[in-house]
């Protein structure tokens, strides 16, 4: 379950540039990174005449396109849903360490506020949740850590030290033929409780810090 941080600010404040700089810095420290961008304009990945467009017009509630090692999804989403970021995280980013969002001022997640000169107070008043840091030419409030937009390294260090360094790693990992399968927190807890319930009834079971189970199946995948 990744840490979700929203990078927010007014148009042309430098949000995209900041996120773009943060990604390689976080990856260099060994963290996997997902990104969600909120657009204030309507857009469509759909193309008239394509098979995906035909499926959608036929009434499909969602269409996924897979090919070339990439995934695309066509569907409707309720942007007013207060859990929208959690739902997107669970669907697409559950195995990442950190999920950065560009936008989502009212998304209910910790925020990095990218300041625009003369509009600092307006932005901070508009944000409805905790601001963990501001980024811009100069600090605006002494009670919020501030970072220069030209030195995102210091911001990333702050995020790692405050949020990521001691963050719990997944308690349950599943691999199929060496490929990791992402599990959200709910599924991890369900798998863990089920396995512990079965093992606790076995002779020789004792409370342990680490449990390993390996399963070999027939070639057709049956047990």
Protein backbone atom coordinates (compact mmCIF):
# COMPACT_ATOMS: atom_id res chain seq x y z
CA UNK A 1 0.00 0.00 0.00
CA UNK A 2 1.80 3.13 -1.19
CA UNK A 3 2.18 6.51 0.43
CA UNK A 4 -0.02 8.97 -1.49
CA UNK A 5 1.13 12.60 -1.77
CA UNK A 6 -0.65 15.26 -3.81
CA UNK A 7 1.37 18.01 -5.49
CA UNK A 8 -1.02 20.96 -5.80
CA UNK A 9 -0.91 24.54 -7.03
CA UNK A 10 -2.38 26.95 -9.55
CA UNK A 11 -1.85 26.66 -13.31
CA UNK A 12 1.73 27.27 -14.46
CA UNK A 13 3.05 27.10 -10.89
CA UNK A 14 5.51 24.32 -11.76
CA UNK A 15 3.66 21.24 -10.50
CA UNK A 16 4.51 19.06 -13.50
CA UNK A 17 8.17 20.09 -13.46
CA UNK A 18 8.44 19.31 -9.75
CA UNK A 19 6.85 15.85 -10.10
CA UNK A 20 9.07 15.16 -13.11
CA UNK A 21 12.17 15.96 -11.03
CA UNK A 22 11.01 14.01 -7.98
CA UNK A 23 10.47 10.71 -9.82
CA UNK A 24 14.12 9.90 -10.69
CA UNK A 25 15.30 11.14 -7.28
CA UNK A 26 12.93 8.75 -5.48
CA UNK A 27 13.79 5.87 -7.81
CA UNK A 28 17.50 6.46 -7.22
CA UNK A 29 16.80 5.80 -3.54
CA UNK A 30 15.18 2.47 -4.38
CA UNK A 31 11.50 3.45 -4.26
CA UNK A 32 8.95 2.54 -6.92
CA UNK A 33 6.82 5.48 -8.02
CA UNK A 34 3.35 5.82 -9.54
CA UNK A 35 1.80 9.06 -10.80
CA UNK A 36 -1.79 10.21 -11.32
CA UNK A 37 -2.46 13.51 -13.07
CA UNK A 38 -5.74 15.37 -12.68
CA UNK A 39 -6.83 17.28 -15.76
CA UNK A 40 -9.19 20.24 -15.58
CA UNK A 41 -10.14 19.62 -19.22
CA UNK A 42 -12.10 16.78 -20.75
CA UNK A 43 -10.05 14.29 -22.72
CA UNK A 44 -10.51 10.89 -24.32
CA UNK A 45 -8.13 8.04 -25.04
CA UNK A 46 -10.83 6.51 -27.20
CA UNK A 47 -10.59 6.52 -31.01
CA UNK A 48 -13.74 6.36 -33.16
CA UNK A 49 -13.88 3.21 -35.26
CA UNK A 50 -11.48 1.23 -33.10
CA UNK A 51 -12.59 -2.01 -31.45
CA UNK A 52 -12.39 -0.43 -27.98
CA UNK A 53 -14.75 2.32 -29.16
CA UNK A 54 -17.19 -0.29 -30.49
CA UNK A 55 -17.18 -2.15 -27.16
CA UNK A 56 -17.81 1.09 -25.27
CA UNK A 57 -20.66 2.09 -27.59
CA UNK A 58 -22.15 -1.38 -27.12
CA UNK A 59 -22.63 -0.56 -23.46
CA UNK A 60 -19.49 -1.85 -21.75
CA UNK A 61 -18.97 -0.15 -18.39
CA UNK A 62 -15.20 -0.30 -18.87
CA UNK A 63 -12.75 -1.41 -21.56
CA UNK A 64 -9.10 -2.32 -20.97
CA UNK A 65 -6.51 -2.37 -23.76
CA UNK A 66 -3.42 -4.52 -23.30
CA UNK A 67 -0.53 -4.73 -25.72
CA UNK A 68 3.15 -4.02 -26.13
CA UNK A 69 3.65 -4.40 -22.39
CA UNK A 70 1.30 -1.50 -21.65
CA UNK A 71 -2.24 -1.12 -20.29
CA UNK A 72 -4.93 1.42 -21.08
CA UNK A 73 -8.36 1.71 -19.50
CA UNK A 74 -11.46 3.41 -20.88
CA UNK A 75 -14.28 4.03 -18.46
CA UNK A 76 -16.21 6.55 -16.37
CA UNK A 77 -15.18 7.70 -12.92
CA UNK A 78 -16.85 9.85 -10.28
CA UNK A 79 -14.40 12.69 -9.61
CA UNK A 80 -16.44 13.83 -6.60
CA UNK A 81 -15.85 10.50 -4.84
CA UNK A 82 -13.79 11.31 -1.69
CA UNK A 83 -12.11 7.89 -2.03
CA UNK A 84 -11.18 8.29 -5.68
CA UNK A 85 -7.41 8.21 -5.03
CA UNK A 86 -7.70 5.16 -2.78
CA UNK A 87 -9.70 3.33 -5.45
CA UNK A 88 -7.20 4.18 -8.17
CA UNK A 89 -4.32 3.18 -5.89
CA UNK A 90 -5.87 -0.22 -5.13
CA UNK A 91 -6.63 -0.87 -8.81
CA UNK A 92 -3.41 0.28 -10.47
CA UNK A 93 -0.69 1.12 -7.92
CA UNK A 94 -1.02 -1.21 -4.92
CA UNK A 95 2.52 -2.57 -5.33
CA UNK A 96 4.24 0.85 -5.52
CA UNK A 97 6.07 2.52 -2.63
CA UNK A 98 4.80 6.02 -3.32
CA UNK A 99 2.02 7.46 -5.46
CA UNK A 100 2.39 11.11 -6.50
CA UNK A 101 -0.66 12.93 -7.76
CA UNK A 102 -0.59 16.18 -9.68
CA UNK A 103 -3.69 18.09 -8.68
CA UNK A 104 -6.52 16.80 -6.46
CA UNK A 105 -6.55 19.84 -4.15
CA UNK A 106 -9.56 18.37 -2.35
CA UNK A 107 -8.45 14.75 -2.59
CA UNK A 108 -8.00 14.33 1.16
CA UNK A 109 -4.31 13.35 1.03
CA UNK A 110 -1.19 15.05 2.44
CA UNK A 111 -0.14 17.82 0.08
CA UNK A 112 2.93 19.55 -1.28
CA UNK A 113 1.86 23.10 -2.17
CA UNK A 114 3.66 24.69 -5.12
CA UNK A 115 3.40 28.43 -4.48
CA UNK A 116 2.76 31.20 -6.99
CA UNK A 117 3.93 34.69 -6.04
CA UNK A 118 1.10 36.77 -4.66
CA UNK A 119 -1.29 33.80 -4.46
CA UNK A 120 0.24 31.90 -1.55
CA UNK A 121 -2.52 32.66 0.95
CA UNK A 122 -5.25 31.94 -1.60
CA UNK A 123 -3.80 28.49 -2.35
CA UNK A 124 -3.30 27.49 1.29
CA UNK A 125 -6.81 28.66 2.13
CA UNK A 126 -8.22 26.54 -0.71
CA UNK A 127 -6.48 23.35 0.39
CA UNK A 128 -8.65 21.39 2.76
CA UNK A 129 -6.09 19.01 4.26
CA UNK A 130 -2.63 18.94 5.82
CA UNK A 131 0.18 20.58 3.87
CA UNK A 132 3.44 18.76 4.58
CA UNK A 133 5.63 21.17 2.61
CA UNK A 134 5.60 24.23 0.37
CA UNK A 135 7.77 24.74 -2.71
CA UNK A 136 8.61 28.06 -4.32
CA UNK A 137 10.90 31.07 -4.40
CA UNK A 138 10.52 31.91 -0.71
CA UNK A 139 8.78 30.55 2.43
CA UNK A 140 5.30 31.83 3.19
CA UNK A 141 4.56 30.27 6.60
CA UNK A 142 7.10 29.49 9.28
CA UNK A 143 5.18 26.43 10.54
CA UNK A 144 5.42 24.56 7.19
CA UNK A 145 8.73 23.18 5.86
CA UNK A 146 9.70 25.04 2.68
CA UNK A 147 11.92 23.96 -0.23
CA UNK A 148 13.41 25.73 -3.21
CA UNK A 149 11.87 24.56 -6.48
CA UNK A 150 15.36 24.45 -8.00
CA UNK A 151 16.56 21.95 -5.37
CA UNK A 152 13.99 19.14 -5.23
CA UNK A 153 16.63 16.84 -3.68
CA UNK A 154 16.01 18.43 -0.27
CA UNK A 155 12.25 17.89 -0.61
CA UNK A 156 12.76 14.23 -1.50
CA UNK A 157 15.08 13.74 1.49
CA UNK A 158 12.38 15.27 3.71
CA UNK A 159 9.75 12.87 2.31
CA UNK A 160 12.01 9.84 2.75
CA UNK A 161 12.99 10.74 6.32
CA UNK A 162 9.49 11.67 7.47
CA UNK A 163 7.33 9.17 5.60
CA UNK A 164 9.15 6.42 3.73
CA UNK A 165 12.17 5.31 5.73
CA UNK A 166 10.26 3.54 8.49
CA UNK A 167 7.19 2.69 6.42
CA UNK A 168 6.13 -0.93 6.78
CA UNK A 169 6.87 -3.23 3.88
CA UNK A 170 4.12 -5.61 2.69
CA UNK A 171 3.56 -8.37 5.26
CA UNK A 172 2.43 -10.85 2.59
CA UNK A 173 4.05 -11.35 -0.82
CA UNK A 174 2.82 -13.67 -3.56
CA UNK A 175 4.82 -14.67 -6.63
CA UNK A 176 3.66 -16.75 -9.57
CA UNK A 177 6.61 -18.33 -11.40
CA UNK A 178 8.83 -15.58 -10.01
CA UNK A 179 6.51 -12.70 -10.92
CA UNK A 180 5.22 -10.64 -7.97
CA UNK A 181 1.45 -10.24 -7.70
CA UNK A 182 0.37 -6.94 -6.09
CA UNK A 183 -1.85 -7.28 -3.02
CA UNK A 184 -3.58 -4.38 -1.33
CA UNK A 185 -3.70 -4.13 2.46
CA UNK A 186 -7.12 -5.79 2.77
CA UNK A 187 -6.09 -8.82 0.69
CA UNK A 188 -2.80 -9.15 2.60
CA UNK A 189 -4.65 -9.25 5.92
CA UNK A 190 -7.17 -11.76 4.57
CA UNK A 191 -4.46 -14.10 3.24
CA UNK A 192 -2.42 -13.78 6.43
CA UNK A 193 -5.31 -14.53 8.77
CA UNK A 194 -6.44 -17.51 6.65
CA UNK A 195 -2.98 -19.08 6.54
CA UNK A 196 -2.32 -18.49 10.23
CA UNK A 197 -5.70 -20.04 11.05
CA UNK A 198 -4.79 -23.20 9.11
CA UNK A 199 -1.23 -23.46 10.43
CA UNK A 200 -2.14 -22.90 14.07
CA UNK A 201 -3.98 -26.23 14.14
CA UNK A 202 -0.95 -28.20 12.90
CA UNK A 203 1.34 -30.15 15.20
CA UNK A 204 4.68 -28.37 15.58
CA UNK A 205 3.27 -24.91 14.88
CA UNK A 206 4.72 -22.07 16.92
CA UNK A 207 4.47 -18.31 16.73
CA UNK A 208 7.10 -17.10 14.25
CA UNK A 209 8.31 -13.82 12.79
CA UNK A 210 8.57 -15.19 9.26
CA UNK A 211 6.64 -17.95 7.49
CA UNK A 212 7.49 -19.24 4.03
CA UNK A 213 5.16 -21.38 1.93
CA UNK A 214 6.10 -22.70 -1.51
CA UNK A 215 3.59 -24.48 -3.71
CA UNK A 216 4.44 -26.52 -6.82
CA UNK A 217 1.60 -27.16 -9.25
CA UNK A 218 1.18 -29.32 -12.31
CA UNK A 219 1.96 -27.76 -15.69
CA UNK A 220 -1.72 -26.97 -16.27
CA UNK A 221 -1.80 -25.04 -12.97
CA UNK A 222 -3.82 -27.63 -11.03
CA UNK A 223 -2.72 -28.84 -7.60
